[in-house]
């Protein structure tokens, strides 16, 4: 007859708890891309769209899966919604940009690489950049 030792019982309980939390986290509904973008832009005011941004001044970027690329330039955010192919964007992609100058502009191509394998899986042509500035009214 098999007997559970206290150590083995502890491992079994820990494993079960870990699996349960993993499955419950996976079952949690994801936020829609539009809601994620709205959350990022909370407290910001949109400006007039521009054709280009200064690439050397970009301090970071975030991909909103299936929706947009958000570039950060200092305290301003520039949202770019590719007119075709936004559905190919994935949060974990690496974006590779090849420019002919110091600006990133509308219709420039952005290659998408899988973060794990670094294998290219497509590209998107950029649209206009909509600037967002922090609202002075909080």
C-alpha atoms as a PDB file:
ATOM      1  CA  UNK A   1       0.000   0.000   0.000  1.00  0.00           C
ATOM      2  CA  UNK A   2       1.288   3.480  -0.949  1.00  0.00           C
ATOM      3  CA  UNK A   3       1.643   6.056   1.816  1.00  0.00           C
ATOM      4  CA  UNK A   4       2.010   9.780   1.277  1.00  0.00           C
ATOM      5  CA  UNK A   5       4.984  11.216   3.106  1.00  0.00           C
ATOM      6  CA  UNK A   6       4.578  14.796   4.389  1.00  0.00           C
ATOM      7  CA  UNK A   7       7.216  16.028   1.911  1.00  0.00           C
ATOM      8  CA  UNK A   8       5.552  14.291  -1.056  1.00  0.00           C
ATOM      9  CA  UNK A   9       2.141  15.554   0.011  1.00  0.00           C
ATOM     10  CA  UNK A  10       3.520  19.122   0.152  1.00  0.00           C
ATOM     11  CA  UNK A  11       4.946  18.818  -3.369  1.00  0.00           C
ATOM     12  CA  UNK A  12       1.620  17.470  -4.675  1.00  0.00           C
ATOM     13  CA  UNK A  13      -0.344  20.316  -3.074  1.00  0.00           C
ATOM     14  CA  UNK A  14       2.107  22.940  -4.374  1.00  0.00           C
ATOM     15  CA  UNK A  15       2.006  21.485  -7.894  1.00  0.00           C
ATOM     16  CA  UNK A  16      -1.807  21.413  -7.872  1.00  0.00           C
ATOM     17  CA  UNK A  17      -1.981  25.008  -6.637  1.00  0.00           C
ATOM     18  CA  UNK A  18       0.500  26.146  -9.293  1.00  0.00           C
ATOM     19  CA  UNK A  19      -1.429  24.421 -12.080  1.00  0.00           C
ATOM     20  CA  UNK A  20      -4.727  25.848 -10.826  1.00  0.00           C
ATOM     21  CA  UNK A  21      -3.350  29.400 -10.783  1.00  0.00           C
ATOM     22  CA  UNK A  22      -1.843  28.939 -14.249  1.00  0.00           C
ATOM     23  CA  UNK A  23      -5.116  27.748 -15.735  1.00  0.00           C
ATOM     24  CA  UNK A  24      -7.121  30.444 -13.957  1.00  0.00           C
ATOM     25  CA  UNK A  25      -4.737  33.152 -15.274  1.00  0.00           C
ATOM     26  CA  UNK A  26      -5.065  31.738 -18.786  1.00  0.00           C
ATOM     27  CA  UNK A  27      -8.851  31.785 -18.463  1.00  0.00           C
ATOM     28  CA  UNK A  28      -8.858  35.471 -17.474  1.00  0.00           C
ATOM     29  CA  UNK A  29     -10.215  37.455 -20.415  1.00  0.00           C
ATOM     30  CA  UNK A  30      -7.706  39.720 -22.133  1.00  0.00           C
ATOM     31  CA  UNK A  31      -8.375  43.401 -22.500  1.00  0.00           C
ATOM     32  CA  UNK A  32      -9.406  44.395 -26.020  1.00  0.00           C
ATOM     33  CA  UNK A  33      -6.782  46.257 -28.080  1.00  0.00           C
ATOM     34  CA  UNK A  34      -8.973  49.377 -28.152  1.00  0.00           C
ATOM     35  CA  UNK A  35      -9.359  49.313 -24.357  1.00  0.00           C
ATOM     36  CA  UNK A  36      -5.609  48.776 -23.927  1.00  0.00           C
ATOM     37  CA  UNK A  37      -4.854  51.751 -26.184  1.00  0.00           C
ATOM     38  CA  UNK A  38      -7.404  53.949 -24.379  1.00  0.00           C
ATOM     39  CA  UNK A  39      -5.818  53.000 -21.055  1.00  0.00           C
ATOM     40  CA  UNK A  40      -2.348  53.977 -22.345  1.00  0.00           C
ATOM     41  CA  UNK A  41      -3.694  57.335 -23.528  1.00  0.00           C
ATOM     42  CA  UNK A  42      -5.607  58.163 -20.350  1.00  0.00           C
ATOM     43  CA  UNK A  43      -4.693  61.705 -19.325  1.00  0.00           C
ATOM     44  CA  UNK A  44      -3.399  62.623 -22.801  1.00  0.00           C
ATOM     45  CA  UNK A  45      -4.914  64.939 -25.420  1.00  0.00           C
ATOM     46  CA  UNK A  46      -4.653  64.202 -29.150  1.00  0.00           C
ATOM     47  CA  UNK A  47      -3.053  66.676 -31.514  1.00  0.00           C
ATOM     48  CA  UNK A  48      -3.013  67.071 -35.277  1.00  0.00           C
ATOM     49  CA  UNK A  49      -1.555  64.022 -37.103  1.00  0.00           C
ATOM     50  CA  UNK A  50       1.946  64.422 -38.524  1.00  0.00           C
ATOM     51  CA  UNK A  51       3.719  62.649 -41.387  1.00  0.00           C
ATOM     52  CA  UNK A  52       7.038  61.947 -39.597  1.00  0.00           C
ATOM     53  CA  UNK A  53       8.695  61.732 -36.195  1.00  0.00           C
ATOM     54  CA  UNK A  54      12.382  62.153 -35.317  1.00  0.00           C
ATOM     55  CA  UNK A  55      13.770  58.651 -34.887  1.00  0.00           C
ATOM     56  CA  UNK A  56      16.784  59.667 -32.737  1.00  0.00           C
ATOM     57  CA  UNK A  57      14.348  61.223 -30.233  1.00  0.00           C
ATOM     58  CA  UNK A  58      12.296  58.030 -29.798  1.00  0.00           C
ATOM     59  CA  UNK A  59      12.796  56.814 -26.228  1.00  0.00           C
ATOM     60  CA  UNK A  60      10.622  53.718 -26.474  1.00  0.00           C
ATOM     61  CA  UNK A  61       7.797  51.975 -28.267  1.00  0.00           C
ATOM     62  CA  UNK A  62       4.939  49.664 -27.403  1.00  0.00           C
ATOM     63  CA  UNK A  63       2.928  47.445 -29.682  1.00  0.00           C
ATOM     64  CA  UNK A  64      -0.782  47.187 -28.965  1.00  0.00           C
ATOM     65  CA  UNK A  65      -1.678  43.774 -30.370  1.00  0.00           C
ATOM     66  CA  UNK A  66      -3.703  43.991 -33.559  1.00  0.00           C
ATOM     67  CA  UNK A  67      -4.091  47.766 -33.282  1.00  0.00           C
ATOM     68  CA  UNK A  68      -1.133  50.177 -33.211  1.00  0.00           C
ATOM     69  CA  UNK A  69       2.468  51.029 -32.435  1.00  0.00           C
ATOM     70  CA  UNK A  70       2.897  53.725 -29.782  1.00  0.00           C
ATOM     71  CA  UNK A  71       6.192  55.625 -29.949  1.00  0.00           C
ATOM     72  CA  UNK A  72       7.373  57.645 -26.967  1.00  0.00           C
ATOM     73  CA  UNK A  73       9.332  60.842 -27.521  1.00  0.00           C
ATOM     74  CA  UNK A  74      10.042  62.344 -24.128  1.00  0.00           C
ATOM     75  CA  UNK A  75       6.681  62.992 -22.475  1.00  0.00           C
ATOM     76  CA  UNK A  76       4.711  62.788 -25.730  1.00  0.00           C
ATOM     77  CA  UNK A  77       3.218  59.680 -27.270  1.00  0.00           C
ATOM     78  CA  UNK A  78       2.771  59.210 -31.015  1.00  0.00           C
ATOM     79  CA  UNK A  79       0.219  56.603 -32.024  1.00  0.00           C
ATOM     80  CA  UNK A  80       0.619  54.975 -35.402  1.00  0.00           C
ATOM     81  CA  UNK A  81      -2.203  52.814 -36.713  1.00  0.00           C
ATOM     82  CA  UNK A  82      -0.961  51.061 -39.856  1.00  0.00           C
ATOM     83  CA  UNK A  83      -3.670  51.452 -42.524  1.00  0.00           C
ATOM     84  CA  UNK A  84      -3.183  47.839 -43.661  1.00  0.00           C
ATOM     85  CA  UNK A  85      -1.777  44.993 -41.644  1.00  0.00           C
ATOM     86  CA  UNK A  86      -2.377  46.171 -38.074  1.00  0.00           C
ATOM     87  CA  UNK A  87      -3.808  42.710 -37.424  1.00  0.00           C
ATOM     88  CA  UNK A  88      -0.243  41.343 -37.815  1.00  0.00           C
ATOM     89  CA  UNK A  89       1.023  43.364 -34.854  1.00  0.00           C
ATOM     90  CA  UNK A  90       1.671  41.387 -31.678  1.00  0.00           C
ATOM     91  CA  UNK A  91       2.774  42.728 -28.309  1.00  0.00           C
ATOM     92  CA  UNK A  92       5.824  40.440 -28.212  1.00  0.00           C
ATOM     93  CA  UNK A  93       7.095  41.312 -31.685  1.00  0.00           C
ATOM     94  CA  UNK A  94      10.424  42.979 -32.242  1.00  0.00           C
ATOM     95  CA  UNK A  95      10.091  45.806 -34.735  1.00  0.00           C
ATOM     96  CA  UNK A  96      12.917  46.528 -37.160  1.00  0.00           C
ATOM     97  CA  UNK A  97      12.846  49.809 -39.031  1.00  0.00           C
ATOM     98  CA  UNK A  98      15.032  50.749 -41.977  1.00  0.00           C
ATOM     99  CA  UNK A  99      14.992  54.438 -42.770  1.00  0.00           C
ATOM    100  CA  UNK A 100      16.846  56.653 -45.198  1.00  0.00           C
ATOM    101  CA  UNK A 101      17.443  59.586 -42.899  1.00  0.00           C
ATOM    102  CA  UNK A 102      16.712  60.485 -39.296  1.00  0.00           C
ATOM    103  CA  UNK A 103      12.923  60.508 -39.555  1.00  0.00           C
ATOM    104  CA  UNK A 104      10.402  57.702 -39.315  1.00  0.00           C
ATOM    105  CA  UNK A 105       7.624  58.577 -41.732  1.00  0.00           C
ATOM    106  CA  UNK A 106       4.252  57.527 -43.038  1.00  0.00           C
ATOM    107  CA  UNK A 107       4.596  54.624 -45.482  1.00  0.00           C
ATOM    108  CA  UNK A 108       7.948  53.520 -44.032  1.00  0.00           C
ATOM    109  CA  UNK A 109       8.024  49.745 -43.609  1.00  0.00           C
ATOM    110  CA  UNK A 110       8.414  48.086 -40.231  1.00  0.00           C
ATOM    111  CA  UNK A 111       9.489  44.422 -40.215  1.00  0.00           C
ATOM    112  CA  UNK A 112       8.053  42.206 -37.516  1.00  0.00           C
ATOM    113  CA  UNK A 113      10.249  39.558 -35.871  1.00  0.00           C
ATOM    114  CA  UNK A 114       9.132  36.828 -33.520  1.00  0.00           C
ATOM    115  CA  UNK A 115      10.762  37.628 -30.161  1.00  0.00           C
ATOM    116  CA  UNK A 116      11.561  33.993 -29.376  1.00  0.00           C
ATOM    117  CA  UNK A 117      12.994  32.815 -32.674  1.00  0.00           C
ATOM    118  CA  UNK A 118      13.770  36.223 -34.277  1.00  0.00           C
ATOM    119  CA  UNK A 119      12.257  34.838 -37.480  1.00  0.00           C
ATOM    120  CA  UNK A 120      10.555  37.552 -39.575  1.00  0.00           C
ATOM    121  CA  UNK A 121       6.812  37.033 -39.940  1.00  0.00           C
ATOM    122  CA  UNK A 122       5.727  40.049 -41.915  1.00  0.00           C
ATOM    123  CA  UNK A 123       5.800  43.797 -42.136  1.00  0.00           C
ATOM    124  CA  UNK A 124       3.482  46.788 -41.926  1.00  0.00           C
ATOM    125  CA  UNK A 125       3.534  50.158 -43.649  1.00  0.00           C
ATOM    126  CA  UNK A 126       3.129  52.995 -41.182  1.00  0.00           C
ATOM    127  CA  UNK A 127       0.287  55.487 -41.233  1.00  0.00           C
ATOM    128  CA  UNK A 128       0.254  59.040 -39.889  1.00  0.00           C
ATOM    129  CA  UNK A 129       1.502  59.664 -36.360  1.00  0.00           C
ATOM    130  CA  UNK A 130      -1.055  61.141 -33.963  1.00  0.00           C
ATOM    131  CA  UNK A 131       0.697  63.058 -31.155  1.00  0.00           C
ATOM    132  CA  UNK A 132      -0.681  62.858 -27.609  1.00  0.00           C
ATOM    133  CA  UNK A 133       0.406  65.347 -24.968  1.00  0.00           C
ATOM    134  CA  UNK A 134      -0.252  65.125 -21.236  1.00  0.00           C
ATOM    135  CA  UNK A 135      -3.382  67.022 -20.311  1.00  0.00           C
ATOM    136  CA  UNK A 136      -2.816  70.072 -18.113  1.00  0.00           C
ATOM    137  CA  UNK A 137      -6.162  69.428 -16.428  1.00  0.00           C
ATOM    138  CA  UNK A 138      -6.130  66.398 -14.109  1.00  0.00           C
END
